[in-house]
Amino acid sequence: MTAVDTHDMSLPPDQMPTPKPKISPEERRRRTADRLTMIRLKMAIGRELDERGITTPAAIAAALGMPTAAATKLLTRHQWREGDVALLEAAAAWLRVKVPD
């Protein structure tokens, strides 16, 4: 006999949870590469800001030319998000930071 989740059986078919689509191996590799790039960019940006004595969230946001909340989220977020690499590259370019490959 198999176990049945009675919670799922009580839902109408149009409200059944949909399975999370699996990402392709190519997409997984791209995301992994993006994560590594993000780490390098965050470290280079953080080092540059420290060298300039810029430490408060408001000063960091001003140095990056973005709102405080957006700058804080961008530099502290651990989860991969589409577009973060481009934002971090723009911030690094804004600061004229060279990022090693």
PDB file of N, CA and C in Angstrom:
ATOM      1  N   MET A   1       0.824  -1.175   0.000  1.00  0.00           N
ATOM      2  CA  MET A   1       0.000   0.000   0.000  1.00  0.00           C
ATOM      3  C   MET A   1       0.875   1.248   0.000  1.00  0.00           C
ATOM      4  N   THR A   2       0.441   2.295  -0.658  1.00  0.00           N
ATOM      5  CA  THR A   2       1.200   3.526  -0.690  1.00  0.00           C
ATOM      6  C   THR A   2       0.516   4.575   0.164  1.00  0.00           C
ATOM      7  N   ALA A   3       1.327   5.464   0.689  1.00  0.00           N
ATOM      8  CA  ALA A   3       0.792   6.548   1.506  1.00  0.00           C
ATOM      9  C   ALA A   3       0.182   7.602   0.591  1.00  0.00           C
ATOM     10  N   VAL A   4      -0.964   8.137   0.992  1.00  0.00           N
ATOM     11  CA  VAL A   4      -1.649   9.154   0.208  1.00  0.00           C
ATOM     12  C   VAL A   4      -1.753  10.408   1.051  1.00  0.00           C
ATOM     13  N   ASP A   5      -1.417  11.522   0.448  1.00  0.00           N
ATOM     14  CA  ASP A   5      -1.541  12.809   1.139  1.00  0.00           C
ATOM     15  C   ASP A   5      -2.981  13.260   0.994  1.00  0.00           C
ATOM     16  N   THR A   6      -3.746  13.152   2.057  1.00  0.00           N
ATOM     17  CA  THR A   6      -5.164  13.494   1.991  1.00  0.00           C
ATOM     18  C   THR A   6      -5.372  14.986   1.808  1.00  0.00           C
ATOM     19  N   HIS A   7      -4.393  15.794   2.201  1.00  0.00           N
ATOM     20  CA  HIS A   7      -4.504  17.248   2.005  1.00  0.00           C
ATOM     21  C   HIS A   7      -4.598  17.576   0.521  1.00  0.00           C
ATOM     22  N   ASP A   8      -3.763  16.935  -0.306  1.00  0.00           N
ATOM     23  CA  ASP A   8      -3.778  17.190  -1.738  1.00  0.00           C
ATOM     24  C   ASP A   8      -5.062  16.687  -2.387  1.00  0.00           C
ATOM     25  N   MET A   9      -5.625  15.624  -1.846  1.00  0.00           N
ATOM     26  CA  MET A   9      -6.838  15.064  -2.431  1.00  0.00           C
ATOM     27  C   MET A   9      -8.047  15.974  -2.194  1.00  0.00           C
ATOM     28  N   SER A  10      -8.004  16.803  -1.174  1.00  0.00           N
ATOM     29  CA  SER A  10      -9.145  17.649  -0.869  1.00  0.00           C
ATOM     30  C   SER A  10      -9.171  18.916  -1.721  1.00  0.00           C
ATOM     31  N   LEU A  11      -8.111  19.194  -2.441  1.00  0.00           N
ATOM     32  CA  LEU A  11      -8.049  20.382  -3.278  1.00  0.00           C
ATOM     33  C   LEU A  11      -8.663  20.098  -4.645  1.00  0.00           C
ATOM     34  N   PRO A  12      -9.379  21.075  -5.183  1.00  0.00           N
ATOM     35  CA  PRO A  12      -9.876  20.909  -6.552  1.00  0.00           C
ATOM     36  C   PRO A  12      -8.697  20.852  -7.521  1.00  0.00           C
ATOM     37  N   PRO A  13      -8.880  20.222  -8.677  1.00  0.00           N
ATOM     38  CA  PRO A  13      -7.760  20.059  -9.627  1.00  0.00           C
ATOM     39  C   PRO A  13      -7.083  21.368 -10.024  1.00  0.00           C
ATOM     40  N   ASP A  14      -7.837  22.464 -10.111  1.00  0.00           N
ATOM     41  CA  ASP A  14      -7.219  23.722 -10.523  1.00  0.00           C
ATOM     42  C   ASP A  14      -6.411  24.384  -9.411  1.00  0.00           C
ATOM     43  N   GLN A  15      -6.502  23.856  -8.182  1.00  0.00           N
ATOM     44  CA  GLN A  15      -5.744  24.405  -7.065  1.00  0.00           C
ATOM     45  C   GLN A  15      -4.655  23.465  -6.562  1.00  0.00           C
ATOM     46  N   MET A  16      -4.449  22.371  -7.262  1.00  0.00           N
ATOM     47  CA  MET A  16      -3.405  21.416  -6.875  1.00  0.00           C
ATOM     48  C   MET A  16      -2.050  22.089  -7.033  1.00  0.00           C
ATOM     49  N   PRO A  17      -1.122  21.858  -6.103  1.00  0.00           N
ATOM     50  CA  PRO A  17       0.208  22.460  -6.233  1.00  0.00           C
ATOM     51  C   PRO A  17       0.902  21.906  -7.473  1.00  0.00           C
ATOM     52  N   THR A  18       1.551  22.806  -8.197  1.00  0.00           N
ATOM     53  CA  THR A  18       2.265  22.370  -9.389  1.00  0.00           C
ATOM     54  C   THR A  18       3.698  22.010  -9.006  1.00  0.00           C
ATOM     55  N   PRO A  19       4.236  20.968  -9.615  1.00  0.00           N
ATOM     56  CA  PRO A  19       5.612  20.598  -9.295  1.00  0.00           C
ATOM     57  C   PRO A  19       6.579  21.672  -9.765  1.00  0.00           C
ATOM     58  N   LYS A  20       7.641  21.860  -9.002  1.00  0.00           N
ATOM     59  CA  LYS A  20       8.652  22.845  -9.352  1.00  0.00           C
ATOM     60  C   LYS A  20       9.438  22.324 -10.553  1.00  0.00           C
ATOM     61  N   PRO A  21       9.530  23.127 -11.615  1.00  0.00           N
ATOM     62  CA  PRO A  21      10.259  22.641 -12.789  1.00  0.00           C
ATOM     63  C   PRO A  21      11.751  22.513 -12.488  1.00  0.00           C
ATOM     64  N   LYS A  22      12.334  21.462 -13.018  1.00  0.00           N
ATOM     65  CA  LYS A  22      13.767  21.256 -12.828  1.00  0.00           C
ATOM     66  C   LYS A  22      14.520  22.114 -13.831  1.00  0.00           C
ATOM     67  N   ILE A  23      15.649  22.640 -13.382  1.00  0.00           N
ATOM     68  CA  ILE A  23      16.448  23.444 -14.297  1.00  0.00           C
ATOM     69  C   ILE A  23      17.400  22.523 -15.060  1.00  0.00           C
ATOM     70  N   SER A  24      17.732  22.931 -16.249  1.00  0.00           N
ATOM     71  CA  SER A  24      18.608  22.128 -17.098  1.00  0.00           C
ATOM     72  C   SER A  24      20.036  22.180 -16.563  1.00  0.00           C
ATOM     73  N   PRO A  25      20.857  21.216 -16.944  1.00  0.00           N
ATOM     74  CA  PRO A  25      22.260  21.249 -16.525  1.00  0.00           C
ATOM     75  C   PRO A  25      22.977  22.517 -16.989  1.00  0.00           C
ATOM     76  N   GLU A  26      22.637  22.997 -18.187  1.00  0.00           N
ATOM     77  CA  GLU A  26      23.260  24.226 -18.691  1.00  0.00           C
ATOM     78  C   GLU A  26      22.888  25.417 -17.816  1.00  0.00           C
ATOM     79  N   GLU A  27      21.603  25.493 -17.428  1.00  0.00           N
ATOM     80  CA  GLU A  27      21.152  26.586 -16.556  1.00  0.00           C
ATOM     81  C   GLU A  27      21.807  26.484 -15.187  1.00  0.00           C
ATOM     82  N   ARG A  28      21.954  25.279 -14.682  1.00  0.00           N
ATOM     83  CA  ARG A  28      22.617  25.076 -13.381  1.00  0.00           C
ATOM     84  C   ARG A  28      24.059  25.558 -13.443  1.00  0.00           C
ATOM     85  N   ARG A  29      24.765  25.246 -14.533  1.00  0.00           N
ATOM     86  CA  ARG A  29      26.153  25.694 -14.706  1.00  0.00           C
ATOM     87  C   ARG A  29      26.223  27.216 -14.790  1.00  0.00           C
ATOM     88  N   ARG A  30      25.279  27.816 -15.525  1.00  0.00           N
ATOM     89  CA  ARG A  30      25.257  29.274 -15.650  1.00  0.00           C
ATOM     90  C   ARG A  30      25.023  29.928 -14.301  1.00  0.00           C
ATOM     91  N   ARG A  31      24.098  29.382 -13.526  1.00  0.00           N
ATOM     92  CA  ARG A  31      23.824  29.953 -12.200  1.00  0.00           C
ATOM     93  C   ARG A  31      25.012  29.791 -11.263  1.00  0.00           C
ATOM     94  N   THR A  32      25.697  28.652 -11.356  1.00  0.00           N
ATOM     95  CA  THR A  32      26.882  28.448 -10.532  1.00  0.00           C
ATOM     96  C   THR A  32      27.963  29.451 -10.902  1.00  0.00           C
ATOM     97  N   ALA A  33      28.164  29.657 -12.188  1.00  0.00           N
ATOM     98  CA  ALA A  33      29.148  30.646 -12.638  1.00  0.00           C
ATOM     99  C   ALA A  33      28.748  32.045 -12.173  1.00  0.00           C
ATOM    100  N   ASP A  34      27.452  32.355 -12.250  1.00  0.00           N
ATOM    101  CA  ASP A  34      26.960  33.658 -11.768  1.00  0.00           C
ATOM    102  C   ASP A  34      27.217  33.824 -10.277  1.00  0.00           C
ATOM    103  N   ARG A  35      26.986  32.769  -9.495  1.00  0.00           N
ATOM    104  CA  ARG A  35      27.226  32.851  -8.042  1.00  0.00           C
ATOM    105  C   ARG A  35      28.690  33.162  -7.750  1.00  0.00           C
ATOM    106  N   LEU A  36      29.593  32.489  -8.450  1.00  0.00           N
ATOM    107  CA  LEU A  36      31.029  32.740  -8.247  1.00  0.00           C
ATOM    108  C   LEU A  36      31.392  34.161  -8.647  1.00  0.00           C
ATOM    109  N   THR A  37      30.832  34.629  -9.754  1.00  0.00           N
ATOM    110  CA  THR A  37      31.073  35.998 -10.190  1.00  0.00           C
ATOM    111  C   THR A  37      30.544  36.978  -9.153  1.00  0.00           C
ATOM    112  N   MET A  38      29.352  36.698  -8.619  1.00  0.00           N
ATOM    113  CA  MET A  38      28.760  37.567  -7.597  1.00  0.00           C
ATOM    114  C   MET A  38      29.660  37.651  -6.363  1.00  0.00           C
ATOM    115  N   ILE A  39      30.198  36.528  -5.944  1.00  0.00           N
ATOM    116  CA  ILE A  39      31.076  36.513  -4.769  1.00  0.00           C
ATOM    117  C   ILE A  39      32.308  37.372  -5.029  1.00  0.00           C
ATOM    118  N   ARG A  40      32.919  37.192  -6.193  1.00  0.00           N
ATOM    119  CA  ARG A  40      34.108  37.986  -6.537  1.00  0.00           C
ATOM    120  C   ARG A  40      33.790  39.483  -6.577  1.00  0.00           C
ATOM    121  N   LEU A  41      32.657  39.817  -7.195  1.00  0.00           N
ATOM    122  CA  LEU A  41      32.268  41.226  -7.291  1.00  0.00           C
ATOM    123  C   LEU A  41      31.983  41.818  -5.916  1.00  0.00           C
ATOM    124  N   LYS A  42      31.241  41.094  -5.090  1.00  0.00           N
ATOM    125  CA  LYS A  42      30.919  41.593  -3.751  1.00  0.00           C
ATOM    126  C   LYS A  42      32.186  41.806  -2.926  1.00  0.00           C
ATOM    127  N   MET A  43      33.131  40.875  -3.039  1.00  0.00           N
ATOM    128  CA  MET A  43      34.380  41.013  -2.289  1.00  0.00           C
ATOM    129  C   MET A  43      35.170  42.215  -2.777  1.00  0.00           C
ATOM    130  N   ALA A  44      35.268  42.387  -4.102  1.00  0.00           N
ATOM    131  CA  ALA A  44      36.026  43.512  -4.655  1.00  0.00           C
ATOM    132  C   ALA A  44      35.367  44.844  -4.297  1.00  0.00           C
ATOM    133  N   ILE A  45      34.055  44.901  -4.390  1.00  0.00           N
ATOM    134  CA  ILE A  45      33.324  46.126  -4.041  1.00  0.00           C
ATOM    135  C   ILE A  45      33.480  46.417  -2.558  1.00  0.00           C
ATOM    136  N   GLY A  46      33.308  45.400  -1.726  1.00  0.00           N
ATOM    137  CA  GLY A  46      33.456  45.583  -0.274  1.00  0.00           C
ATOM    138  C   GLY A  46      34.850  46.052   0.105  1.00  0.00           C
ATOM    139  N   ARG A  47      35.856  45.477  -0.525  1.00  0.00           N
ATOM    140  CA  ARG A  47      37.245  45.870  -0.248  1.00  0.00           C
ATOM    141  C   ARG A  47      37.475  47.330  -0.642  1.00  0.00           C
ATOM    142  N   GLU A  48      36.963  47.714  -1.818  1.00  0.00           N
ATOM    143  CA  GLU A  48      37.122  49.091  -2.289  1.00  0.00           C
ATOM    144  C   GLU A  48      36.408  50.072  -1.359  1.00  0.00           C
ATOM    145  N   LEU A  49      35.216  49.729  -0.943  1.00  0.00           N
ATOM    146  CA  LEU A  49      34.478  50.608  -0.034  1.00  0.00           C
ATOM    147  C   LEU A  49      35.219  50.748   1.296  1.00  0.00           C
ATOM    148  N   ASP A  50      35.754  49.637   1.811  1.00  0.00           N
ATOM    149  CA  ASP A  50      36.530  49.686   3.065  1.00  0.00           C
ATOM    150  C   ASP A  50      37.761  50.568   2.914  1.00  0.00           C
ATOM    151  N   GLU A  51      38.467  50.415   1.787  1.00  0.00           N
ATOM    152  CA  GLU A  51      39.664  51.225   1.558  1.00  0.00           C
ATOM    153  C   GLU A  51      39.341  52.713   1.498  1.00  0.00           C
ATOM    154  N   ARG A  52      38.155  53.029   1.033  1.00  0.00           N
ATOM    155  CA  ARG A  52      37.724  54.425   0.962  1.00  0.00           C
ATOM    156  C   ARG A  52      37.094  54.914   2.272  1.00  0.00           C
ATOM    157  N   GLY A  53      36.976  54.023   3.245  1.00  0.00           N
ATOM    158  CA  GLY A  53      36.383  54.396   4.529  1.00  0.00           C
ATOM    159  C   GLY A  53      34.878  54.548   4.471  1.00  0.00           C
ATOM    160  N   ILE A  54      34.260  53.937   3.500  1.00  0.00           N
ATOM    161  CA  ILE A  54      32.802  54.014   3.335  1.00  0.00           C
ATOM    162  C   ILE A  54      32.203  52.780   3.997  1.00  0.00           C
ATOM    163  N   THR A  55      31.505  52.990   5.128  1.00  0.00           N
ATOM    164  CA  THR A  55      31.024  51.848   5.890  1.00  0.00           C
ATOM    165  C   THR A  55      29.539  51.872   6.228  1.00  0.00           C
ATOM    166  N   THR A  56      28.929  53.038   6.279  1.00  0.00           N
ATOM    167  CA  THR A  56      27.512  53.079   6.662  1.00  0.00           C
ATOM    168  C   THR A  56      26.647  52.748   5.450  1.00  0.00           C
ATOM    169  N   PRO A  57      25.475  52.160   5.686  1.00  0.00           N
ATOM    170  CA  PRO A  57      24.594  51.832   4.554  1.00  0.00           C
ATOM    171  C   PRO A  57      24.263  53.041   3.672  1.00  0.00           C
ATOM    172  N   ALA A  58      24.025  54.182   4.275  1.00  0.00           N
ATOM    173  CA  ALA A  58      23.703  55.381   3.486  1.00  0.00           C
ATOM    174  C   ALA A  58      24.896  55.812   2.632  1.00  0.00           C
ATOM    175  N   ALA A  59      26.104  55.764   3.199  1.00  0.00           N
ATOM    176  CA  ALA A  59      27.305  56.145   2.449  1.00  0.00           C
ATOM    177  C   ALA A  59      27.594  55.143   1.335  1.00  0.00           C
ATOM    178  N   ILE A  60      27.373  53.871   1.617  1.00  0.00           N
ATOM    179  CA  ILE A  60      27.574  52.832   0.598  1.00  0.00           C
ATOM    180  C   ILE A  60      26.604  53.059  -0.563  1.00  0.00           C
ATOM    181  N   ALA A  61      25.343  53.314  -0.228  1.00  0.00           N
ATOM    182  CA  ALA A  61      24.336  53.560  -1.260  1.00  0.00           C
ATOM    183  C   ALA A  61      24.706  54.781  -2.096  1.00  0.00           C
ATOM    184  N   ALA A  62      25.162  55.829  -1.447  1.00  0.00           N
ATOM    185  CA  ALA A  62      25.560  57.043  -2.172  1.00  0.00           C
ATOM    186  C   ALA A  62      26.746  56.756  -3.084  1.00  0.00           C
ATOM    187  N   ALA A  63      27.705  55.963  -2.599  1.00  0.00           N
ATOM    188  CA  ALA A  63      28.886  55.635  -3.403  1.00  0.00           C
ATOM    189  C   ALA A  63      28.524  54.788  -4.616  1.00  0.00           C
ATOM    190  N   LEU A  64      27.478  53.963  -4.471  1.00  0.00           N
ATOM    191  CA  LEU A  64      27.057  53.103  -5.576  1.00  0.00           C
ATOM    192  C   LEU A  64      26.013  53.762  -6.466  1.00  0.00           C
ATOM    193  N   GLY A  65      25.503  54.916  -6.027  1.00  0.00           N
ATOM    194  CA  GLY A  65      24.497  55.616  -6.815  1.00  0.00           C
ATOM    195  C   GLY A  65      23.158  54.922  -6.843  1.00  0.00           C
ATOM    196  N   MET A  66      22.781  54.307  -5.719  1.00  0.00           N
ATOM    197  CA  MET A  66      21.497  53.613  -5.635  1.00  0.00           C
ATOM    198  C   MET A  66      20.828  53.874  -4.297  1.00  0.00           C
ATOM    199  N   PRO A  67      19.542  53.573  -4.175  1.00  0.00           N
ATOM    200  CA  PRO A  67      18.865  53.735  -2.888  1.00  0.00           C
ATOM    201  C   PRO A  67      19.483  52.828  -1.828  1.00  0.00           C
ATOM    202  N   THR A  68      19.391  53.248  -0.585  1.00  0.00           N
ATOM    203  CA  THR A  68      20.010  52.505   0.519  1.00  0.00           C
ATOM    204  C   THR A  68      19.516  51.070   0.592  1.00  0.00           C
ATOM    205  N   ALA A  69      18.210  50.872   0.536  1.00  0.00           N
ATOM    206  CA  ALA A  69      17.657  49.521   0.645  1.00  0.00           C
ATOM    207  C   ALA A  69      18.148  48.626  -0.492  1.00  0.00           C
ATOM    208  N   ALA A  70      18.183  49.154  -1.704  1.00  0.00           N
ATOM    209  CA  ALA A  70      18.624  48.365  -2.855  1.00  0.00           C
ATOM    210  C   ALA A  70      20.101  47.995  -2.743  1.00  0.00           C
ATOM    211  N   ALA A  71      20.933  48.942  -2.316  1.00  0.00           N
ATOM    212  CA  ALA A  71      22.365  48.674  -2.166  1.00  0.00           C
ATOM    213  C   ALA A  71      22.605  47.633  -1.078  1.00  0.00           C
ATOM    214  N   THR A  72      21.896  47.761   0.035  1.00  0.00           N
ATOM    215  CA  THR A  72      22.056  46.806   1.141  1.00  0.00           C
ATOM    216  C   THR A  72      21.649  45.412   0.700  1.00  0.00           C
ATOM    217  N   LYS A  73      20.510  45.293   0.051  1.00  0.00           N
ATOM    218  CA  LYS A  73      20.053  43.978  -0.419  1.00  0.00           C
ATOM    219  C   LYS A  73      21.028  43.377  -1.421  1.00  0.00           C
ATOM    220  N   LEU A  74      21.494  44.198  -2.342  1.00  0.00           N
ATOM    221  CA  LEU A  74      22.401  43.706  -3.377  1.00  0.00           C
ATOM    222  C   LEU A  74      23.689  43.156  -2.785  1.00  0.00           C
ATOM    223  N   LEU A  75      24.239  43.851  -1.806  1.00  0.00           N
ATOM    224  CA  LEU A  75      25.535  43.441  -1.248  1.00  0.00           C
ATOM    225  C   LEU A  75      25.431  42.372  -0.164  1.00  0.00           C
ATOM    226  N   THR A  76      24.247  42.155   0.400  1.00  0.00           N
ATOM    227  CA  THR A  76      24.124  41.169   1.481  1.00  0.00           C
ATOM    228  C   THR A  76      23.322  39.935   1.110  1.00  0.00           C
ATOM    229  N   ARG A  77      22.654  39.961  -0.025  1.00  0.00           N
ATOM    230  CA  ARG A  77      21.807  38.825  -0.424  1.00  0.00           C
ATOM    231  C   ARG A  77      22.671  37.596  -0.692  1.00  0.00           C
ATOM    232  N   HIS A  78      22.232  36.451  -0.188  1.00  0.00           N
ATOM    233  CA  HIS A  78      22.959  35.199  -0.386  1.00  0.00           C
ATOM    234  C   HIS A  78      22.349  34.360  -1.500  1.00  0.00           C
ATOM    235  N   GLN A  79      21.093  34.595  -1.785  1.00  0.00           N
ATOM    236  CA  GLN A  79      20.405  33.811  -2.796  1.00  0.00           C
ATOM    237  C   GLN A  79      20.634  34.402  -4.186  1.00  0.00           C
ATOM    238  N   TRP A  80      20.841  33.541  -5.162  1.00  0.00           N
ATOM    239  CA  TRP A  80      21.039  33.969  -6.527  1.00  0.00           C
ATOM    240  C   TRP A  80      19.746  34.572  -7.057  1.00  0.00           C
ATOM    241  N   ARG A  81      19.850  35.712  -7.701  1.00  0.00           N
ATOM    242  CA  ARG A  81      18.710  36.360  -8.350  1.00  0.00           C
ATOM    243  C   ARG A  81      19.123  36.789  -9.744  1.00  0.00           C
ATOM    244  N   GLU A  82      18.228  36.598 -10.687  1.00  0.00           N
ATOM    245  CA  GLU A  82      18.463  37.022 -12.061  1.00  0.00           C
ATOM    246  C   GLU A  82      18.731  38.524 -12.072  1.00  0.00           C
ATOM    247  N   GLY A  83      19.788  38.950 -12.730  1.00  0.00           N
ATOM    248  CA  GLY A  83      20.103  40.363 -12.856  1.00  0.00           C
ATOM    249  C   GLY A  83      21.090  40.899 -11.833  1.00  0.00           C
ATOM    250  N   ASP A  84      21.370  40.138 -10.772  1.00  0.00           N
ATOM    251  CA  ASP A  84      22.290  40.615  -9.744  1.00  0.00           C
ATOM    252  C   ASP A  84      23.705  40.804 -10.276  1.00  0.00           C
ATOM    253  N   VAL A  85      24.144  39.916 -11.153  1.00  0.00           N
ATOM    254  CA  VAL A  85      25.505  40.037 -11.691  1.00  0.00           C
ATOM    255  C   VAL A  85      25.641  41.352 -12.451  1.00  0.00           C
ATOM    256  N   ALA A  86      24.644  41.674 -13.253  1.00  0.00           N
ATOM    257  CA  ALA A  86      24.692  42.926 -14.016  1.00  0.00           C
ATOM    258  C   ALA A  86      24.714  44.137 -13.082  1.00  0.00           C
ATOM    259  N   LEU A  87      23.919  44.099 -12.022  1.00  0.00           N
ATOM    260  CA  LEU A  87      23.907  45.201 -11.058  1.00  0.00           C
ATOM    261  C   LEU A  87      25.252  45.333 -10.348  1.00  0.00           C
ATOM    262  N   LEU A  88      25.840  44.203  -9.962  1.00  0.00           N
ATOM    263  CA  LEU A  88      27.135  44.236  -9.287  1.00  0.00           C
ATOM    264  C   LEU A  88      28.238  44.698 -10.235  1.00  0.00           C
ATOM    265  N   GLU A  89      28.167  44.276 -11.504  1.00  0.00           N
ATOM    266  CA  GLU A  89      29.152  44.741 -12.481  1.00  0.00           C
ATOM    267  C   GLU A  89      29.033  46.250 -12.686  1.00  0.00           C
ATOM    268  N   ALA A  90      27.810  46.744 -12.715  1.00  0.00           N
ATOM    269  CA  ALA A  90      27.602  48.185 -12.860  1.00  0.00           C
ATOM    270  C   ALA A  90      28.145  48.929 -11.643  1.00  0.00           C
ATOM    271  N   ALA A  91      27.921  48.379 -10.442  1.00  0.00           N
ATOM    272  CA  ALA A  91      28.431  49.011  -9.223  1.00  0.00           C
ATOM    273  C   ALA A  91      29.962  49.013  -9.226  1.00  0.00           C
ATOM    274  N   ALA A  92      30.562  47.899  -9.655  1.00  0.00           N
ATOM    275  CA  ALA A  92      32.017  47.824  -9.718  1.00  0.00           C
ATOM    276  C   ALA A  92      32.560  48.832 -10.727  1.00  0.00           C
ATOM    277  N   ALA A  93      31.894  48.958 -11.863  1.00  0.00           N
ATOM    278  CA  ALA A  93      32.329  49.936 -12.871  1.00  0.00           C
ATOM    279  C   ALA A  93      32.174  51.352 -12.330  1.00  0.00           C
ATOM    280  N   TRP A  94      31.097  51.599 -11.605  1.00  0.00           N
ATOM    281  CA  TRP A  94      30.845  52.918 -11.004  1.00  0.00           C
ATOM    282  C   TRP A  94      31.987  53.301 -10.074  1.00  0.00           C
ATOM    283  N   LEU A  95      32.497  52.306  -9.321  1.00  0.00           N
ATOM    284  CA  LEU A  95      33.596  52.529  -8.373  1.00  0.00           C
ATOM    285  C   LEU A  95      34.968  52.404  -9.053  1.00  0.00           C
ATOM    286  N   ARG A  96      34.978  52.009 -10.316  1.00  0.00           N
ATOM    287  CA  ARG A  96      36.205  51.745 -11.063  1.00  0.00           C
ATOM    288  C   ARG A  96      37.043  50.649 -10.401  1.00  0.00           C
ATOM    289  N   VAL A  97      36.354  49.560 -10.042  1.00  0.00           N
ATOM    290  CA  VAL A  97      36.990  48.423  -9.383  1.00  0.00           C
ATOM    291  C   VAL A  97      37.345  47.388 -10.437  1.00  0.00           C
ATOM    292  N   LYS A  98      38.557  46.893 -10.379  1.00  0.00           N
ATOM    293  CA  LYS A  98      38.994  45.797 -11.246  1.00  0.00           C
ATOM    294  C   LYS A  98      38.702  44.492 -10.509  1.00  0.00           C
ATOM    295  N   VAL A  99      37.976  43.599 -11.170  1.00  0.00           N
ATOM    296  CA  VAL A  99      37.614  42.323 -10.564  1.00  0.00           C
ATOM    297  C   VAL A  99      38.413  41.212 -11.220  1.00  0.00           C
ATOM    298  N   PRO A 100      39.179  40.456 -10.439  1.00  0.00           N
ATOM    299  CA  PRO A 100      39.944  39.341 -11.025  1.00  0.00           C
ATOM    300  C   PRO A 100      39.011  38.233 -11.467  1.00  0.00           C
ATOM    301  N   ASP A 101      39.400  37.529 -12.523  1.00  0.00           N
ATOM    302  CA  ASP A 101      38.564  36.418 -13.031  1.00  0.00           C
ATOM    303  C   ASP A 101      38.706  35.188 -12.206  1.00  0.00           C
TER     304      ASP A 101
END
